[in-house]
Amino acid sequence: MSKKDCIIVGGGIIGMATARELAMRGLSVSLFDKGKLGMESSWAAGGILSPMRPWSEHPFSAELSSQGKSCYADFVEALKEQTGIDPEYYRCGLLMINQDDVEQTRQWADKNKVIIAENYKDYPTNMRIPANSIFLPEIAQVRVPGLLKALHASLLKLGVTIFENTAITGLQLDKRRCKSVQLGSEKYYADTFIISAGVWSEQILGSNNCGIKIKPVMGQILCVKFAEQQLETMVLDGGHYFIPRKDGHVLIGSTMEHAGFDKAITQKARNGMMEWACTLWPDIARAEFIKHWSGLRPATDNGKPYLGQLEDYENVYINAGHFRKGILQAPVCARKIAEMVC
């Protein structure tokens, strides 16, 4: 196989968006993933295009999130036009109801010139919403499975070479440069290498990790379905949320569990999320249960994602550690990495 301009290791939302951005700039790209593209942490995400607690976000991450929100509608529209697949970008707003978060949300919104409304009432009549809640009308969501499907189709149209179910066994490093990735007895060569493997990025770099530290934090999510849409806005209550879809599906999330790389779903988590959901919105009890799943969020100690060239290597970059904001930050981080490489 001929040498590529870029090899990307890790095919979640970050790796896929990065591969697309580089290919659109005319570079030849190969994308490697140990499983199916997008089917680990990315597929498990709810798709809220906002940080959960924006006032506590690391400043660098906050800037990426802000830029991500600004460009997301255009990003999705371009994907839809290119592939014919609709990722269902939906500016439905977010209702913040946790009373401990309300005042901080108000201060953050005022400082960042974010529109808020304090008398939002367009929710089901039996939903138990505290009077002192804040509505953020500009917050959007995206339906992640559709987004990943559109990205995959885009990569194929752009000629990106995709290797799925192919866990690389090592990087061939020579002084300050990487020459190839190893896959069994085969070597694949490129001028530039980008590590975007989420919680597995540190493992891929091995002893050459340049101080990269990313830990997995498991999140479990439920999905239920009504015959038609019952809720028109996302609702956030501390760590719990409702994400409504236009076809009647509602996501109920999520947990925060430090269980290493174990992502087994548990009855305890399901019971806890359903108890919260039914207490806040009793109608959930009559919805059809659809699915229960989990994913591993890539967390860093200070909340700042890794984005840029690894200091010990001239041609190795990293784009990883976005925690709960990988979906939101993917297009802007892809653009920034592509600008560095080009």
C-alpha atoms as a PDB file:
ATOM      1  CA  MET A   1       0.000   0.000   0.000  1.00  0.00           C
ATOM      2  CA  SER A   2       1.232   3.503  -0.861  1.00  0.00           C
ATOM      3  CA  LYS A   3       2.311   5.936   1.799  1.00  0.00           C
ATOM      4  CA  LYS A   4      -0.445   8.264   3.053  1.00  0.00           C
ATOM      5  CA  ASP A   5      -0.281  11.906   4.011  1.00  0.00           C
ATOM      6  CA  CYS A   6      -2.022  11.114   7.312  1.00  0.00           C
ATOM      7  CA  ILE A   7      -2.878   8.075   9.415  1.00  0.00           C
ATOM      8  CA  ILE A   8      -5.490   8.546  12.140  1.00  0.00           C
ATOM      9  CA  VAL A   9      -5.758   5.980  14.930  1.00  0.00           C
ATOM     10  CA  GLY A  10      -9.210   5.972  16.526  1.00  0.00           C
ATOM     11  CA  GLY A  11     -12.462   6.130  14.576  1.00  0.00           C
ATOM     12  CA  GLY A  12     -14.928   7.734  16.950  1.00  0.00           C
ATOM     13  CA  ILE A  13     -16.556  11.093  16.282  1.00  0.00           C
ATOM     14  CA  ILE A  14     -13.239  12.899  16.816  1.00  0.00           C
ATOM     15  CA  GLY A  15     -11.257  10.661  14.464  1.00  0.00           C
ATOM     16  CA  MET A  16     -13.978  10.615  11.812  1.00  0.00           C
ATOM     17  CA  ALA A  17     -14.407  14.393  11.822  1.00  0.00           C
ATOM     18  CA  THR A  18     -10.620  14.844  11.671  1.00  0.00           C
ATOM     19  CA  ALA A  19     -10.288  12.427   8.755  1.00  0.00           C
ATOM     20  CA  ARG A  20     -13.061  14.251   6.900  1.00  0.00           C
ATOM     21  CA  GLU A  21     -11.507  17.671   7.458  1.00  0.00           C
ATOM     22  CA  LEU A  22      -8.091  16.518   6.225  1.00  0.00           C
ATOM     23  CA  ALA A  23      -9.553  14.747   3.204  1.00  0.00           C
ATOM     24  CA  MET A  24     -11.557  17.842   2.275  1.00  0.00           C
ATOM     25  CA  ARG A  25      -8.253  19.728   2.192  1.00  0.00           C
ATOM     26  CA  GLY A  26      -6.912  17.275  -0.380  1.00  0.00           C
ATOM     27  CA  LEU A  27      -4.780  15.031   1.845  1.00  0.00           C
ATOM     28  CA  SER A  28      -4.734  11.234   1.536  1.00  0.00           C
ATOM     29  CA  VAL A  29      -5.949   9.691   4.804  1.00  0.00           C
ATOM     30  CA  SER A  30      -6.215   6.248   6.396  1.00  0.00           C
ATOM     31  CA  LEU A  31      -8.406   5.779   9.474  1.00  0.00           C
ATOM     32  CA  PHE A  32      -7.906   2.818  11.814  1.00  0.00           C
ATOM     33  CA  ASP A  33     -10.267   1.620  14.542  1.00  0.00           C
ATOM     34  CA  LYS A  34     -10.161  -1.445  16.745  1.00  0.00           C
ATOM     35  CA  GLY A  35     -13.921  -1.942  16.223  1.00  0.00           C
ATOM     36  CA  LYS A  36     -16.583  -0.441  13.992  1.00  0.00           C
ATOM     37  CA  LEU A  37     -16.320   3.276  13.338  1.00  0.00           C
ATOM     38  CA  GLY A  38     -18.102   5.340  15.964  1.00  0.00           C
ATOM     39  CA  MET A  39     -19.447   2.395  17.940  1.00  0.00           C
ATOM     40  CA  GLU A  40     -17.691   2.969  21.268  1.00  0.00           C
ATOM     41  CA  SER A  41     -17.990   6.191  23.299  1.00  0.00           C
ATOM     42  CA  SER A  42     -19.421   8.226  20.412  1.00  0.00           C
ATOM     43  CA  TRP A  43     -22.406   5.993  19.722  1.00  0.00           C
ATOM     44  CA  ALA A  44     -23.258   5.950  23.450  1.00  0.00           C
ATOM     45  CA  ALA A  45     -23.541   9.752  23.667  1.00  0.00           C
ATOM     46  CA  GLY A  46     -26.857  11.531  24.109  1.00  0.00           C
ATOM     47  CA  GLY A  47     -26.043  14.355  21.703  1.00  0.00           C
ATOM     48  CA  ILE A  48     -26.585  17.481  23.855  1.00  0.00           C
ATOM     49  CA  LEU A  49     -24.623  20.257  22.138  1.00  0.00           C
ATOM     50  CA  SER A  50     -23.648  22.024  25.335  1.00  0.00           C
ATOM     51  CA  PRO A  51     -21.500  21.389  28.412  1.00  0.00           C
ATOM     52  CA  MET A  52     -23.500  20.123  31.384  1.00  0.00           C
ATOM     53  CA  ARG A  53     -22.042  22.687  33.805  1.00  0.00           C
ATOM     54  CA  PRO A  54     -20.477  25.347  31.559  1.00  0.00           C
ATOM     55  CA  TRP A  55     -19.386  27.639  34.409  1.00  0.00           C
ATOM     56  CA  SER A  56     -17.014  24.953  35.715  1.00  0.00           C
ATOM     57  CA  GLU A  57     -15.494  24.032  32.348  1.00  0.00           C
ATOM     58  CA  HIS A  58     -11.738  24.473  31.748  1.00  0.00           C
ATOM     59  CA  PRO A  59     -11.247  27.763  29.819  1.00  0.00           C
ATOM     60  CA  PHE A  60      -9.631  26.017  26.827  1.00  0.00           C
ATOM     61  CA  SER A  61     -12.456  23.470  26.667  1.00  0.00           C
ATOM     62  CA  ALA A  62     -15.035  26.236  27.117  1.00  0.00           C
ATOM     63  CA  GLU A  63     -13.675  28.053  24.071  1.00  0.00           C
ATOM     64  CA  LEU A  64     -13.832  24.841  22.009  1.00  0.00           C
ATOM     65  CA  SER A  65     -17.417  24.302  23.159  1.00  0.00           C
ATOM     66  CA  SER A  66     -18.388  27.854  22.233  1.00  0.00           C
ATOM     67  CA  GLN A  67     -16.867  27.508  18.773  1.00  0.00           C
ATOM     68  CA  GLY A  68     -18.489  24.093  18.375  1.00  0.00           C
ATOM     69  CA  LYS A  69     -21.950  25.501  19.110  1.00  0.00           C
ATOM     70  CA  SER A  70     -21.387  28.309  16.608  1.00  0.00           C
ATOM     71  CA  CYS A  71     -20.414  26.021  13.730  1.00  0.00           C
ATOM     72  CA  TYR A  72     -22.580  22.952  14.359  1.00  0.00           C
ATOM     73  CA  ALA A  73     -25.628  23.838  12.289  1.00  0.00           C
ATOM     74  CA  ASP A  74     -23.443  24.462   9.236  1.00  0.00           C
ATOM     75  CA  PHE A  75     -21.425  21.287   9.916  1.00  0.00           C
ATOM     76  CA  VAL A  76     -24.559  19.154   9.999  1.00  0.00           C
ATOM     77  CA  GLU A  77     -26.110  20.874   6.978  1.00  0.00           C
ATOM     78  CA  ALA A  78     -22.946  20.246   4.920  1.00  0.00           C
ATOM     79  CA  LEU A  79     -22.993  16.565   5.895  1.00  0.00           C
ATOM     80  CA  LYS A  80     -26.663  16.283   5.010  1.00  0.00           C
ATOM     81  CA  GLU A  81     -26.137  17.932   1.625  1.00  0.00           C
ATOM     82  CA  GLN A  82     -23.110  15.762   0.847  1.00  0.00           C
ATOM     83  CA  THR A  83     -24.561  12.388   1.899  1.00  0.00           C
ATOM     84  CA  GLY A  84     -28.351  12.737   1.959  1.00  0.00           C
ATOM     85  CA  ILE A  85     -28.347  11.508   5.580  1.00  0.00           C
ATOM     86  CA  ASP A  86     -30.021  13.714   8.182  1.00  0.00           C
ATOM     87  CA  PRO A  87     -28.262  13.814  11.594  1.00  0.00           C
ATOM     88  CA  GLU A  88     -31.380  15.548  12.995  1.00  0.00           C
ATOM     89  CA  TYR A  89     -29.881  18.725  14.355  1.00  0.00           C
ATOM     90  CA  TYR A  90     -32.648  20.091  16.596  1.00  0.00           C
ATOM     91  CA  ARG A  91     -32.530  23.423  18.445  1.00  0.00           C
ATOM     92  CA  CYS A  92     -35.034  22.432  21.104  1.00  0.00           C
ATOM     93  CA  GLY A  93     -33.551  24.342  24.051  1.00  0.00           C
ATOM     94  CA  LEU A  94     -32.471  23.133  27.482  1.00  0.00           C
ATOM     95  CA  LEU A  95     -34.410  23.582  30.731  1.00  0.00           C
ATOM     96  CA  MET A  96     -32.039  23.750  33.719  1.00  0.00           C
ATOM     97  CA  ILE A  97     -33.986  22.762  36.847  1.00  0.00           C
ATOM     98  CA  ASN A  98     -31.418  21.824  39.504  1.00  0.00           C
ATOM     99  CA  GLN A  99     -31.740  24.563  42.099  1.00  0.00           C
ATOM    100  CA  ASP A 100     -28.075  24.399  43.074  1.00  0.00           C
ATOM    101  CA  ASP A 101     -27.167  25.181  39.438  1.00  0.00           C
ATOM    102  CA  VAL A 102     -29.714  27.884  38.630  1.00  0.00           C
ATOM    103  CA  GLU A 103     -27.835  30.899  39.997  1.00  0.00           C
ATOM    104  CA  GLN A 104     -24.513  29.778  38.488  1.00  0.00           C
ATOM    105  CA  THR A 105     -26.269  29.247  35.161  1.00  0.00           C
ATOM    106  CA  ARG A 106     -27.713  32.747  35.326  1.00  0.00           C
ATOM    107  CA  GLN A 107     -24.304  34.294  36.092  1.00  0.00           C
ATOM    108  CA  TRP A 108     -22.598  32.282  33.350  1.00  0.00           C
ATOM    109  CA  ALA A 109     -25.279  33.239  30.815  1.00  0.00           C
ATOM    110  CA  ASP A 110     -24.987  36.933  31.712  1.00  0.00           C
ATOM    111  CA  LYS A 111     -21.185  36.900  31.453  1.00  0.00           C
ATOM    112  CA  ASN A 112     -21.214  35.079  28.099  1.00  0.00           C
ATOM    113  CA  LYS A 113     -24.220  36.910  26.614  1.00  0.00           C
ATOM    114  CA  VAL A 114     -26.269  33.697  26.432  1.00  0.00           C
ATOM    115  CA  ILE A 115     -30.034  34.129  26.050  1.00  0.00           C
ATOM    116  CA  ILE A 116     -32.111  32.774  28.951  1.00  0.00           C
ATOM    117  CA  ALA A 117     -35.818  32.693  29.837  1.00  0.00           C
ATOM    118  CA  GLU A 118     -37.078  32.222  33.389  1.00  0.00           C
ATOM    119  CA  ASN A 119     -40.778  31.530  32.873  1.00  0.00           C
ATOM    120  CA  TYR A 120     -40.724  28.641  30.414  1.00  0.00           C
ATOM    121  CA  LYS A 121     -43.922  26.572  30.724  1.00  0.00           C
ATOM    122  CA  ASP A 122     -44.049  24.537  27.508  1.00  0.00           C
ATOM    123  CA  TYR A 123     -43.554  21.141  29.163  1.00  0.00           C
ATOM    124  CA  PRO A 124     -46.029  18.364  30.088  1.00  0.00           C
ATOM    125  CA  THR A 125     -48.527  19.540  32.688  1.00  0.00           C
ATOM    126  CA  ASN A 126     -47.662  16.795  35.166  1.00  0.00           C
ATOM    127  CA  MET A 127     -43.903  17.319  34.929  1.00  0.00           C
ATOM    128  CA  ARG A 128     -42.681  18.540  38.317  1.00  0.00           C
ATOM    129  CA  ILE A 129     -40.540  21.506  37.331  1.00  0.00           C
ATOM    130  CA  PRO A 130     -39.398  23.903  40.095  1.00  0.00           C
ATOM    131  CA  ALA A 131     -40.613  27.471  39.645  1.00  0.00           C
ATOM    132  CA  ASN A 132     -37.087  28.869  39.814  1.00  0.00           C
ATOM    133  CA  SER A 133     -35.784  27.144  36.653  1.00  0.00           C
ATOM    134  CA  ILE A 134     -33.931  28.584  33.658  1.00  0.00           C
ATOM    135  CA  PHE A 135     -34.539  27.876  29.976  1.00  0.00           C
ATOM    136  CA  LEU A 136     -31.692  28.171  27.465  1.00  0.00           C
ATOM    137  CA  PRO A 137     -33.520  28.368  24.116  1.00  0.00           C
ATOM    138  CA  GLU A 138     -30.449  28.277  21.865  1.00  0.00           C
ATOM    139  CA  ILE A 139     -29.122  24.888  23.014  1.00  0.00           C
ATOM    140  CA  ALA A 140     -29.413  22.195  20.345  1.00  0.00           C
ATOM    141  CA  GLN A 141     -29.043  18.442  20.120  1.00  0.00           C
ATOM    142  CA  VAL A 142     -28.057  16.013  17.385  1.00  0.00           C
ATOM    143  CA  ARG A 143     -29.083  12.391  16.933  1.00  0.00           C
ATOM    144  CA  VAL A 144     -25.719  10.691  17.224  1.00  0.00           C
ATOM    145  CA  PRO A 145     -26.342   7.436  15.284  1.00  0.00           C
ATOM    146  CA  GLY A 146     -27.457   9.490  12.286  1.00  0.00           C
ATOM    147  CA  LEU A 147     -24.477  11.819  12.655  1.00  0.00           C
ATOM    148  CA  LEU A 148     -22.048   8.893  12.684  1.00  0.00           C
ATOM    149  CA  LYS A 149     -23.757   7.317   9.679  1.00  0.00           C
ATOM    150  CA  ALA A 150     -23.465  10.584   7.751  1.00  0.00           C
ATOM    151  CA  LEU A 151     -19.803  10.970   8.678  1.00  0.00           C
ATOM    152  CA  HIS A 152     -19.056   7.410   7.563  1.00  0.00           C
ATOM    153  CA  ALA A 153     -20.749   8.031   4.218  1.00  0.00           C
ATOM    154  CA  SER A 154     -18.829  11.294   3.834  1.00  0.00           C
ATOM    155  CA  LEU A 155     -15.494   9.557   4.427  1.00  0.00           C
ATOM    156  CA  LEU A 156     -16.268   7.012   1.735  1.00  0.00           C
ATOM    157  CA  LYS A 157     -17.185   9.772  -0.728  1.00  0.00           C
ATOM    158  CA  LEU A 158     -13.931  11.585   0.056  1.00  0.00           C
ATOM    159  CA  GLY A 159     -11.807   8.491  -0.536  1.00  0.00           C
ATOM    160  CA  VAL A 160     -10.596   7.949   3.034  1.00  0.00           C
ATOM    161  CA  THR A 161      -9.190   4.446   3.471  1.00  0.00           C
ATOM    162  CA  ILE A 162     -10.997   2.829   6.413  1.00  0.00           C
ATOM    163  CA  PHE A 163      -9.679  -0.038   8.508  1.00  0.00           C
ATOM    164  CA  GLU A 164     -12.291  -1.371  10.945  1.00  0.00           C
ATOM    165  CA  ASN A 165     -11.849  -4.158  13.512  1.00  0.00           C
ATOM    166  CA  THR A 166      -8.110  -3.600  13.220  1.00  0.00           C
ATOM    167  CA  ALA A 167      -6.334  -2.863  16.496  1.00  0.00           C
ATOM    168  CA  ILE A 168      -2.834  -1.626  15.745  1.00  0.00           C
ATOM    169  CA  THR A 169      -0.091  -3.370  17.677  1.00  0.00           C
ATOM    170  CA  GLY A 170       2.366  -0.510  17.880  1.00  0.00           C
ATOM    171  CA  LEU A 171       3.937   2.647  16.489  1.00  0.00           C
ATOM    172  CA  GLN A 172       7.320   2.513  14.754  1.00  0.00           C
ATOM    173  CA  LEU A 173       9.218   5.405  16.276  1.00  0.00           C
ATOM    174  CA  ASP A 174      12.648   6.640  15.229  1.00  0.00           C
ATOM    175  CA  LYS A 175      14.107   9.438  17.338  1.00  0.00           C
ATOM    176  CA  ARG A 176      11.624  12.311  16.989  1.00  0.00           C
ATOM    177  CA  ARG A 177       9.495  10.854  14.204  1.00  0.00           C
ATOM    178  CA  CYS A 178       6.914   8.125  13.717  1.00  0.00           C
ATOM    179  CA  LYS A 179       7.356   6.135  10.518  1.00  0.00           C
ATOM    180  CA  SER A 180       4.465   3.679  10.560  1.00  0.00           C
ATOM    181  CA  VAL A 181       1.769   1.893  12.511  1.00  0.00           C
ATOM    182  CA  GLN A 182       2.007  -1.859  12.882  1.00  0.00           C
ATOM    183  CA  LEU A 183      -0.940  -4.142  12.241  1.00  0.00           C
ATOM    184  CA  GLY A 184       0.134  -7.724  12.818  1.00  0.00           C
ATOM    185  CA  SER A 185       3.017  -8.276  10.407  1.00  0.00           C
ATOM    186  CA  GLU A 186       1.979  -5.346   8.202  1.00  0.00           C
ATOM    187  CA  LYS A 187       3.236  -1.770   8.424  1.00  0.00           C
ATOM    188  CA  TYR A 188       1.344   1.276   7.189  1.00  0.00           C
ATOM    189  CA  TYR A 189       3.332   4.427   6.445  1.00  0.00           C
ATOM    190  CA  ALA A 190       2.419   8.115   6.517  1.00  0.00           C
ATOM    191  CA  ASP A 191       3.947  11.563   6.856  1.00  0.00           C
ATOM    192  CA  THR A 192       1.726  12.491   9.815  1.00  0.00           C
ATOM    193  CA  PHE A 193       0.018  10.479  12.563  1.00  0.00           C
ATOM    194  CA  ILE A 194      -2.940  11.567  14.687  1.00  0.00           C
ATOM    195  CA  ILE A 195      -4.048   9.705  17.813  1.00  0.00           C
ATOM    196  CA  SER A 196      -7.777  10.136  18.448  1.00  0.00           C
ATOM    197  CA  ALA A 197      -8.668   6.951  20.283  1.00  0.00           C
ATOM    198  CA  GLY A 198     -10.404   8.428  23.315  1.00  0.00           C
ATOM    199  CA  VAL A 199      -9.802   6.435  26.489  1.00  0.00           C
ATOM    200  CA  TRP A 200      -7.487   4.091  24.560  1.00  0.00           C
ATOM    201  CA  SER A 201      -5.134   6.841  23.339  1.00  0.00           C
ATOM    202  CA  GLU A 202      -2.733   6.459  26.251  1.00  0.00           C
ATOM    203  CA  GLN A 203      -2.498   2.705  25.632  1.00  0.00           C
ATOM    204  CA  ILE A 204      -1.735   3.190  21.948  1.00  0.00           C
ATOM    205  CA  LEU A 205       1.123   5.551  22.726  1.00  0.00           C
ATOM    206  CA  GLY A 206       2.438   3.145  25.380  1.00  0.00           C
ATOM    207  CA  SER A 207       5.737   4.146  26.967  1.00  0.00           C
ATOM    208  CA  ASN A 208       5.974   6.990  24.437  1.00  0.00           C
ATOM    209  CA  ASN A 209       2.857   8.711  25.790  1.00  0.00           C
ATOM    210  CA  CYS A 210       4.560  12.077  26.493  1.00  0.00           C
ATOM    211  CA  GLY A 211       2.665  12.415  29.761  1.00  0.00           C
ATOM    212  CA  ILE A 212      -0.774  11.866  28.219  1.00  0.00           C
ATOM    213  CA  LYS A 213      -3.223  10.716  30.915  1.00  0.00           C
ATOM    214  CA  ILE A 214      -6.810   9.848  29.991  1.00  0.00           C
ATOM    215  CA  LYS A 215      -9.083   7.867  32.294  1.00  0.00           C
ATOM    216  CA  PRO A 216     -12.412   6.193  31.449  1.00  0.00           C
ATOM    217  CA  VAL A 217     -15.588   7.350  33.178  1.00  0.00           C
ATOM    218  CA  MET A 218     -18.554   5.121  32.396  1.00  0.00           C
ATOM    219  CA  GLY A 219     -21.992   6.532  31.691  1.00  0.00           C
ATOM    220  CA  GLN A 220     -25.202   4.482  31.404  1.00  0.00           C
ATOM    221  CA  ILE A 221     -28.238   5.715  29.441  1.00  0.00           C
ATOM    222  CA  LEU A 222     -31.806   4.489  28.928  1.00  0.00           C
ATOM    223  CA  CYS A 223     -34.176   4.986  26.013  1.00  0.00           C
ATOM    224  CA  VAL A 224     -37.984   4.866  26.187  1.00  0.00           C
ATOM    225  CA  LYS A 225     -40.607   5.654  23.558  1.00  0.00           C
ATOM    226  CA  PHE A 226     -44.020   7.295  23.451  1.00  0.00           C
ATOM    227  CA  ALA A 227     -46.368   6.905  20.500  1.00  0.00           C
ATOM    228  CA  GLU A 228     -45.686  10.551  19.631  1.00  0.00           C
ATOM    229  CA  GLN A 229     -43.541  13.380  20.923  1.00  0.00           C
ATOM    230  CA  GLN A 230     -44.550  14.378  24.466  1.00  0.00           C
ATOM    231  CA  LEU A 231     -41.665  16.661  25.431  1.00  0.00           C
ATOM    232  CA  GLU A 232     -40.223  19.452  23.293  1.00  0.00           C
ATOM    233  CA  THR A 233     -37.164  20.551  25.249  1.00  0.00           C
ATOM    234  CA  MET A 234     -34.226  18.867  26.935  1.00  0.00           C
ATOM    235  CA  VAL A 235     -34.366  18.882  30.733  1.00  0.00           C
ATOM    236  CA  LEU A 236     -31.215  18.873  32.865  1.00  0.00           C
ATOM    237  CA  ASP A 237     -31.323  18.137  36.603  1.00  0.00           C
ATOM    238  CA  GLY A 238     -27.742  18.028  37.865  1.00  0.00           C
ATOM    239  CA  GLY A 239     -26.319  14.842  36.375  1.00  0.00           C
ATOM    240  CA  HIS A 240     -29.669  13.561  35.090  1.00  0.00           C
ATOM    241  CA  TYR A 241     -31.428  14.558  31.887  1.00  0.00           C
ATOM    242  CA  PHE A 242     -34.212  13.959  29.404  1.00  0.00           C
ATOM    243  CA  ILE A 243     -33.384  14.274  25.709  1.00  0.00           C
ATOM    244  CA  PRO A 244     -36.570  14.139  23.596  1.00  0.00           C
ATOM    245  CA  ARG A 245     -36.629  13.121  19.924  1.00  0.00           C
ATOM    246  CA  LYS A 246     -39.264  14.250  17.459  1.00  0.00           C
ATOM    247  CA  ASP A 247     -40.448  10.653  16.900  1.00  0.00           C
ATOM    248  CA  GLY A 248     -41.380  10.095  20.560  1.00  0.00           C
ATOM    249  CA  HIS A 249     -38.133   8.565  21.832  1.00  0.00           C
ATOM    250  CA  VAL A 250     -36.745  10.007  25.068  1.00  0.00           C
ATOM    251  CA  LEU A 251     -33.232   9.385  26.386  1.00  0.00           C
ATOM    252  CA  ILE A 252     -32.836   9.200  30.167  1.00  0.00           C
ATOM    253  CA  GLY A 253     -29.339   9.685  31.511  1.00  0.00           C
ATOM    254  CA  SER A 254     -26.873   9.284  32.915  1.00  0.00           C
ATOM    255  CA  THR A 255     -24.467   7.818  35.427  1.00  0.00           C
ATOM    256  CA  MET A 256     -20.883   8.795  36.253  1.00  0.00           C
ATOM    257  CA  GLU A 257     -18.943   5.674  37.247  1.00  0.00           C
ATOM    258  CA  HIS A 258     -15.252   5.114  37.780  1.00  0.00           C
ATOM    259  CA  ALA A 259     -15.065   1.427  36.906  1.00  0.00           C
ATOM    260  CA  GLY A 260     -11.976   1.301  34.714  1.00  0.00           C
ATOM    261  CA  PHE A 261     -12.629  -0.189  31.295  1.00  0.00           C
ATOM    262  CA  ASP A 262     -15.610  -2.231  32.509  1.00  0.00           C
ATOM    263  CA  LYS A 263     -18.745  -0.909  30.800  1.00  0.00           C
ATOM    264  CA  ALA A 264     -21.247  -3.577  31.839  1.00  0.00           C
ATOM    265  CA  ILE A 265     -24.726  -2.125  32.331  1.00  0.00           C
ATOM    266  CA  THR A 266     -26.366  -2.697  35.724  1.00  0.00           C
ATOM    267  CA  GLN A 267     -29.884  -3.065  37.072  1.00  0.00           C
ATOM    268  CA  LYS A 268     -28.959  -0.707  39.906  1.00  0.00           C
ATOM    269  CA  ALA A 269     -28.215   2.091  37.453  1.00  0.00           C
ATOM    270  CA  ARG A 270     -31.400   1.416  35.487  1.00  0.00           C
ATOM    271  CA  ASN A 271     -33.504   1.489  38.641  1.00  0.00           C
ATOM    272  CA  GLY A 272     -31.903   4.727  39.820  1.00  0.00           C
ATOM    273  CA  MET A 273     -32.440   6.534  36.509  1.00  0.00           C
ATOM    274  CA  MET A 274     -36.028   5.311  36.215  1.00  0.00           C
ATOM    275  CA  GLU A 275     -36.786   6.374  39.787  1.00  0.00           C
ATOM    276  CA  TRP A 276     -35.522   9.892  39.051  1.00  0.00           C
ATOM    277  CA  ALA A 277     -37.384   9.997  35.721  1.00  0.00           C
ATOM    278  CA  CYS A 278     -40.744   8.834  37.108  1.00  0.00           C
ATOM    279  CA  THR A 279     -40.521  11.148  40.117  1.00  0.00           C
ATOM    280  CA  LEU A 280     -39.974  14.154  37.881  1.00  0.00           C
ATOM    281  CA  TRP A 281     -42.300  13.035  35.079  1.00  0.00           C
ATOM    282  CA  PRO A 282     -44.784  10.271  36.040  1.00  0.00           C
ATOM    283  CA  ASP A 283     -45.786   9.727  32.378  1.00  0.00           C
ATOM    284  CA  ILE A 284     -42.456   7.952  31.830  1.00  0.00           C
ATOM    285  CA  ALA A 285     -43.977   4.900  33.551  1.00  0.00           C
ATOM    286  CA  ARG A 286     -46.314   4.343  30.588  1.00  0.00           C
ATOM    287  CA  ALA A 287     -43.628   4.724  27.891  1.00  0.00           C
ATOM    288  CA  GLU A 288     -42.275   1.643  26.108  1.00  0.00           C
ATOM    289  CA  PHE A 289     -38.812   0.639  27.308  1.00  0.00           C
ATOM    290  CA  ILE A 290     -36.434   0.413  24.321  1.00  0.00           C
ATOM    291  CA  LYS A 291     -32.788   0.038  25.333  1.00  0.00           C
ATOM    292  CA  HIS A 292     -30.135   0.380  28.041  1.00  0.00           C
ATOM    293  CA  TRP A 293     -26.494   0.971  27.092  1.00  0.00           C
ATOM    294  CA  SER A 294     -23.222   2.455  28.310  1.00  0.00           C
ATOM    295  CA  GLY A 295     -20.052   4.125  27.082  1.00  0.00           C
ATOM    296  CA  LEU A 296     -16.651   5.207  28.384  1.00  0.00           C
ATOM    297  CA  ARG A 297     -16.048   8.951  28.447  1.00  0.00           C
ATOM    298  CA  PRO A 298     -12.375  10.026  28.031  1.00  0.00           C
ATOM    299  CA  ALA A 299     -11.588  12.271  31.014  1.00  0.00           C
ATOM    300  CA  THR A 300      -8.480  14.280  31.845  1.00  0.00           C
ATOM    301  CA  ASP A 301      -7.469  15.410  35.323  1.00  0.00           C
ATOM    302  CA  ASN A 302      -8.046  19.120  34.682  1.00  0.00           C
ATOM    303  CA  GLY A 303     -10.867  18.891  32.133  1.00  0.00           C
ATOM    304  CA  LYS A 304      -8.670  20.175  29.295  1.00  0.00           C
ATOM    305  CA  PRO A 305      -8.636  17.959  26.186  1.00  0.00           C
ATOM    306  CA  TYR A 306      -5.385  17.106  24.430  1.00  0.00           C
ATOM    307  CA  LEU A 307      -5.226  18.904  21.098  1.00  0.00           C
ATOM    308  CA  GLY A 308      -2.028  19.433  19.150  1.00  0.00           C
ATOM    309  CA  GLN A 309       1.423  18.102  18.410  1.00  0.00           C
ATOM    310  CA  LEU A 310       3.079  15.782  20.924  1.00  0.00           C
ATOM    311  CA  GLU A 311       6.099  17.679  22.199  1.00  0.00           C
ATOM    312  CA  ASP A 312       8.539  14.773  21.774  1.00  0.00           C
ATOM    313  CA  TYR A 313       7.626  14.065  18.125  1.00  0.00           C
ATOM    314  CA  GLU A 314       7.720  16.137  14.958  1.00  0.00           C
ATOM    315  CA  ASN A 315       4.877  14.349  13.175  1.00  0.00           C
ATOM    316  CA  VAL A 316       2.582  12.913  15.876  1.00  0.00           C
ATOM    317  CA  TYR A 317      -0.545  14.775  17.002  1.00  0.00           C
ATOM    318  CA  ILE A 318      -3.268  14.007  19.519  1.00  0.00           C
ATOM    319  CA  ASN A 319      -6.958  14.909  19.519  1.00  0.00           C
ATOM    320  CA  ALA A 320      -8.474  13.196  22.563  1.00  0.00           C
ATOM    321  CA  GLY A 321      -9.746  13.594  26.125  1.00  0.00           C
ATOM    322  CA  HIS A 322     -12.947  15.542  25.402  1.00  0.00           C
ATOM    323  CA  PHE A 323     -14.914  13.806  28.206  1.00  0.00           C
ATOM    324  CA  ARG A 324     -18.651  14.575  27.697  1.00  0.00           C
ATOM    325  CA  LYS A 325     -18.070  17.102  24.922  1.00  0.00           C
ATOM    326  CA  GLY A 326     -16.638  15.003  22.093  1.00  0.00           C
ATOM    327  CA  ILE A 327     -19.750  15.309  19.929  1.00  0.00           C
ATOM    328  CA  LEU A 328     -19.939  19.076  20.472  1.00  0.00           C
ATOM    329  CA  GLN A 329     -16.240  19.807  19.978  1.00  0.00           C
ATOM    330  CA  ALA A 330     -15.522  17.378  17.112  1.00  0.00           C
ATOM    331  CA  PRO A 331     -15.882  19.750  14.121  1.00  0.00           C
ATOM    332  CA  VAL A 332     -13.863  22.603  15.611  1.00  0.00           C
ATOM    333  CA  CYS A 333     -11.112  20.305  16.937  1.00  0.00           C
ATOM    334  CA  ALA A 334     -10.920  18.607  13.535  1.00  0.00           C
ATOM    335  CA  ARG A 335     -10.438  21.981  11.895  1.00  0.00           C
ATOM    336  CA  LYS A 336      -7.747  23.033  14.378  1.00  0.00           C
ATOM    337  CA  ILE A 337      -5.761  19.806  13.939  1.00  0.00           C
ATOM    338  CA  ALA A 338      -6.053  20.078  10.144  1.00  0.00           C
ATOM    339  CA  GLU A 339      -4.725  23.638  10.275  1.00  0.00           C
ATOM    340  CA  MET A 340      -1.721  22.461  12.315  1.00  0.00           C
ATOM    341  CA  VAL A 341      -0.994  19.581   9.946  1.00  0.00           C
ATOM    342  CA  CYS A 342      -1.411  21.643   6.778  1.00  0.00           C
END
